[in-house]
Amino acid sequence: MRILYELSWLWETLVIALAVAAVCVVCAMLICKAVKKNLSKKTAAVIGAAAFAGAVLAVVVIARTPMPL
């Protein structure tokens, strides 16, 4: 049970990163729709992967920063 508690941060990080990636892909689709261009699946996948990696890095950096009291 202690292992699950210690790894709970991992699941939280993955959920946050997936949510950020989904929001970025939806925003890219809306931008392409406004410009009246098609967003290819390959481009959407690249945007999603980059957003996921960026969100994971952001969560790790924020988690390392101590909170002031």
N, C-alpha and C. Protein backbone atom coordinates (compact mmCIF):
# COMPACT_ATOMS: atom_id res chain seq x y z
N MET A 1 0.82 -1.19 0.00
CA MET A 1 0.00 0.00 0.00
C MET A 1 0.87 1.26 0.00
N ARG A 2 2.00 1.19 0.65
CA ARG A 2 2.87 2.34 0.72
C ARG A 2 3.44 2.69 -0.65
N ILE A 3 3.67 1.68 -1.49
CA ILE A 3 4.19 1.92 -2.84
C ILE A 3 3.18 2.72 -3.66
N LEU A 4 1.90 2.40 -3.53
CA LEU A 4 0.87 3.15 -4.25
C LEU A 4 0.83 4.60 -3.80
N TYR A 5 0.99 4.83 -2.51
CA TYR A 5 0.99 6.19 -2.00
C TYR A 5 2.20 6.97 -2.51
N GLU A 6 3.35 6.32 -2.57
CA GLU A 6 4.55 6.99 -3.03
C GLU A 6 4.52 7.28 -4.52
N LEU A 7 3.78 6.50 -5.29
CA LEU A 7 3.71 6.71 -6.73
C LEU A 7 2.49 7.53 -7.16
N SER A 8 1.73 8.04 -6.21
CA SER A 8 0.54 8.82 -6.57
C SER A 8 0.91 10.08 -7.33
N TRP A 9 2.08 10.65 -7.07
CA TRP A 9 2.51 11.84 -7.81
C TRP A 9 2.67 11.54 -9.29
N LEU A 10 3.06 10.29 -9.61
CA LEU A 10 3.25 9.91 -11.01
C LEU A 10 1.92 9.97 -11.76
N TRP A 11 0.87 9.43 -11.15
CA TRP A 11 -0.44 9.44 -11.79
C TRP A 11 -0.97 10.86 -11.93
N GLU A 12 -0.75 11.68 -10.92
CA GLU A 12 -1.19 13.07 -11.00
C GLU A 12 -0.45 13.80 -12.12
N THR A 13 0.83 13.56 -12.25
CA THR A 13 1.61 14.19 -13.32
C THR A 13 1.12 13.75 -14.70
N LEU A 14 0.85 12.46 -14.85
CA LEU A 14 0.37 11.96 -16.14
C LEU A 14 -0.98 12.55 -16.50
N VAL A 15 -1.88 12.66 -15.53
CA VAL A 15 -3.20 13.21 -15.80
C VAL A 15 -3.09 14.68 -16.19
N ILE A 16 -2.28 15.43 -15.48
CA ILE A 16 -2.09 16.85 -15.81
C ILE A 16 -1.49 16.99 -17.20
N ALA A 17 -0.48 16.19 -17.51
CA ALA A 17 0.17 16.28 -18.81
C ALA A 17 -0.77 15.88 -19.95
N LEU A 18 -1.58 14.86 -19.74
CA LEU A 18 -2.54 14.46 -20.77
C LEU A 18 -3.60 15.53 -20.98
N ALA A 19 -4.04 16.15 -19.91
CA ALA A 19 -5.04 17.22 -20.04
C ALA A 19 -4.46 18.41 -20.80
N VAL A 20 -3.23 18.78 -20.49
CA VAL A 20 -2.58 19.89 -21.20
C VAL A 20 -2.41 19.55 -22.67
N ALA A 21 -2.00 18.33 -22.97
CA ALA A 21 -1.82 17.92 -24.37
C ALA A 21 -3.15 17.96 -25.12
N ALA A 22 -4.21 17.51 -24.49
CA ALA A 22 -5.53 17.54 -25.13
C ALA A 22 -5.98 18.97 -25.41
N VAL A 23 -5.78 19.84 -24.44
CA VAL A 23 -6.16 21.25 -24.63
C VAL A 23 -5.36 21.88 -25.77
N CYS A 24 -4.07 21.57 -25.85
CA CYS A 24 -3.24 22.14 -26.92
C CYS A 24 -3.67 21.64 -28.29
N VAL A 25 -4.01 20.37 -28.40
CA VAL A 25 -4.45 19.83 -29.69
C VAL A 25 -5.79 20.44 -30.09
N VAL A 26 -6.70 20.59 -29.13
CA VAL A 26 -8.00 21.21 -29.44
C VAL A 26 -7.82 22.65 -29.87
N CYS A 27 -6.93 23.38 -29.19
CA CYS A 27 -6.65 24.77 -29.58
C CYS A 27 -6.07 24.83 -30.99
N ALA A 28 -5.18 23.92 -31.32
CA ALA A 28 -4.60 23.89 -32.67
C ALA A 28 -5.67 23.60 -33.71
N MET A 29 -6.60 22.69 -33.39
CA MET A 29 -7.69 22.40 -34.32
C MET A 29 -8.60 23.60 -34.51
N LEU A 30 -8.88 24.32 -33.43
CA LEU A 30 -9.73 25.50 -33.54
C LEU A 30 -9.05 26.61 -34.34
N ILE A 31 -7.74 26.76 -34.16
CA ILE A 31 -7.00 27.76 -34.93
C ILE A 31 -7.02 27.40 -36.41
N CYS A 32 -6.80 26.13 -36.71
CA CYS A 32 -6.84 25.70 -38.12
C CYS A 32 -8.23 25.85 -38.71
N LYS A 33 -9.25 25.62 -37.91
CA LYS A 33 -10.62 25.79 -38.39
C LYS A 33 -10.91 27.26 -38.67
N ALA A 34 -10.38 28.16 -37.83
CA ALA A 34 -10.59 29.59 -38.03
C ALA A 34 -9.88 30.09 -39.28
N VAL A 35 -8.73 29.50 -39.58
CA VAL A 35 -7.96 29.90 -40.76
C VAL A 35 -8.44 29.14 -42.00
N LYS A 36 -9.33 28.18 -41.78
CA LYS A 36 -9.90 27.34 -42.84
C LYS A 36 -8.85 26.48 -43.52
N LYS A 37 -8.02 25.84 -42.69
CA LYS A 37 -7.05 24.86 -43.16
C LYS A 37 -7.29 23.56 -42.42
N ASN A 38 -6.83 22.46 -42.99
CA ASN A 38 -6.97 21.16 -42.35
C ASN A 38 -5.74 20.85 -41.50
N LEU A 39 -5.98 20.32 -40.33
CA LEU A 39 -4.89 19.89 -39.45
C LEU A 39 -4.68 18.40 -39.66
N SER A 40 -3.51 18.02 -40.13
CA SER A 40 -3.25 16.61 -40.39
C SER A 40 -3.07 15.85 -39.08
N LYS A 41 -3.27 14.55 -39.15
CA LYS A 41 -3.12 13.72 -37.95
C LYS A 41 -1.68 13.71 -37.45
N LYS A 42 -0.74 13.76 -38.38
CA LYS A 42 0.67 13.76 -38.00
C LYS A 42 1.02 15.04 -37.24
N THR A 43 0.53 16.17 -37.71
CA THR A 43 0.78 17.44 -37.04
C THR A 43 0.12 17.47 -35.67
N ALA A 44 -1.10 16.94 -35.58
CA ALA A 44 -1.80 16.89 -34.30
C ALA A 44 -1.04 16.01 -33.31
N ALA A 45 -0.48 14.90 -33.80
CA ALA A 45 0.29 14.01 -32.93
C ALA A 45 1.57 14.68 -32.44
N VAL A 46 2.22 15.43 -33.32
CA VAL A 46 3.44 16.14 -32.93
C VAL A 46 3.13 17.21 -31.89
N ILE A 47 2.04 17.95 -32.11
CA ILE A 47 1.64 18.98 -31.15
C ILE A 47 1.30 18.35 -29.80
N GLY A 48 0.58 17.24 -29.82
CA GLY A 48 0.22 16.56 -28.58
C GLY A 48 1.43 16.03 -27.84
N ALA A 49 2.38 15.45 -28.57
CA ALA A 49 3.59 14.91 -27.93
C ALA A 49 4.44 16.02 -27.34
N ALA A 50 4.57 17.11 -28.07
CA ALA A 50 5.35 18.24 -27.56
C ALA A 50 4.69 18.86 -26.33
N ALA A 51 3.38 18.99 -26.36
CA ALA A 51 2.67 19.54 -25.20
C ALA A 51 2.78 18.62 -24.00
N PHE A 52 2.71 17.31 -24.23
CA PHE A 52 2.84 16.34 -23.15
C PHE A 52 4.22 16.43 -22.51
N ALA A 53 5.26 16.46 -23.34
CA ALA A 53 6.62 16.55 -22.81
C ALA A 53 6.84 17.87 -22.08
N GLY A 54 6.34 18.96 -22.63
CA GLY A 54 6.47 20.25 -21.97
C GLY A 54 5.74 20.29 -20.64
N ALA A 55 4.57 19.69 -20.57
CA ALA A 55 3.81 19.68 -19.33
C ALA A 55 4.50 18.84 -18.26
N VAL A 56 5.08 17.71 -18.65
CA VAL A 56 5.82 16.88 -17.69
C VAL A 56 7.01 17.65 -17.15
N LEU A 57 7.75 18.31 -18.03
CA LEU A 57 8.89 19.10 -17.58
C LEU A 57 8.46 20.25 -16.67
N ALA A 58 7.35 20.90 -17.00
CA ALA A 58 6.86 22.00 -16.17
C ALA A 58 6.45 21.50 -14.78
N VAL A 59 5.78 20.36 -14.71
CA VAL A 59 5.37 19.81 -13.42
C VAL A 59 6.59 19.44 -12.59
N VAL A 60 7.59 18.86 -13.21
CA VAL A 60 8.81 18.48 -12.48
C VAL A 60 9.53 19.72 -11.95
N VAL A 61 9.63 20.76 -12.78
CA VAL A 61 10.30 21.98 -12.34
C VAL A 61 9.52 22.66 -11.22
N ILE A 62 8.21 22.71 -11.35
CA ILE A 62 7.38 23.32 -10.31
C ILE A 62 7.46 22.52 -9.02
N ALA A 63 7.52 21.20 -9.13
CA ALA A 63 7.57 20.35 -7.94
C ALA A 63 8.91 20.50 -7.20
N ARG A 64 9.95 20.86 -7.90
CA ARG A 64 11.26 21.02 -7.26
C ARG A 64 11.40 22.37 -6.57
N THR A 65 10.54 23.32 -6.92
CA THR A 65 10.61 24.67 -6.34
C THR A 65 9.96 24.64 -4.95
N PRO A 66 10.69 25.05 -3.91
CA PRO A 66 10.10 25.05 -2.57
C PRO A 66 9.03 26.13 -2.44
N MET A 67 7.99 25.81 -1.69
CA MET A 67 6.89 26.76 -1.47
C MET A 67 7.23 27.63 -0.27
N PRO A 68 7.04 28.93 -0.40
CA PRO A 68 7.28 29.81 0.76
C PRO A 68 6.19 29.63 1.82
N LEU A 69 6.57 29.80 3.05
CA LEU A 69 5.58 29.66 4.13
C LEU A 69 4.93 30.94 4.46
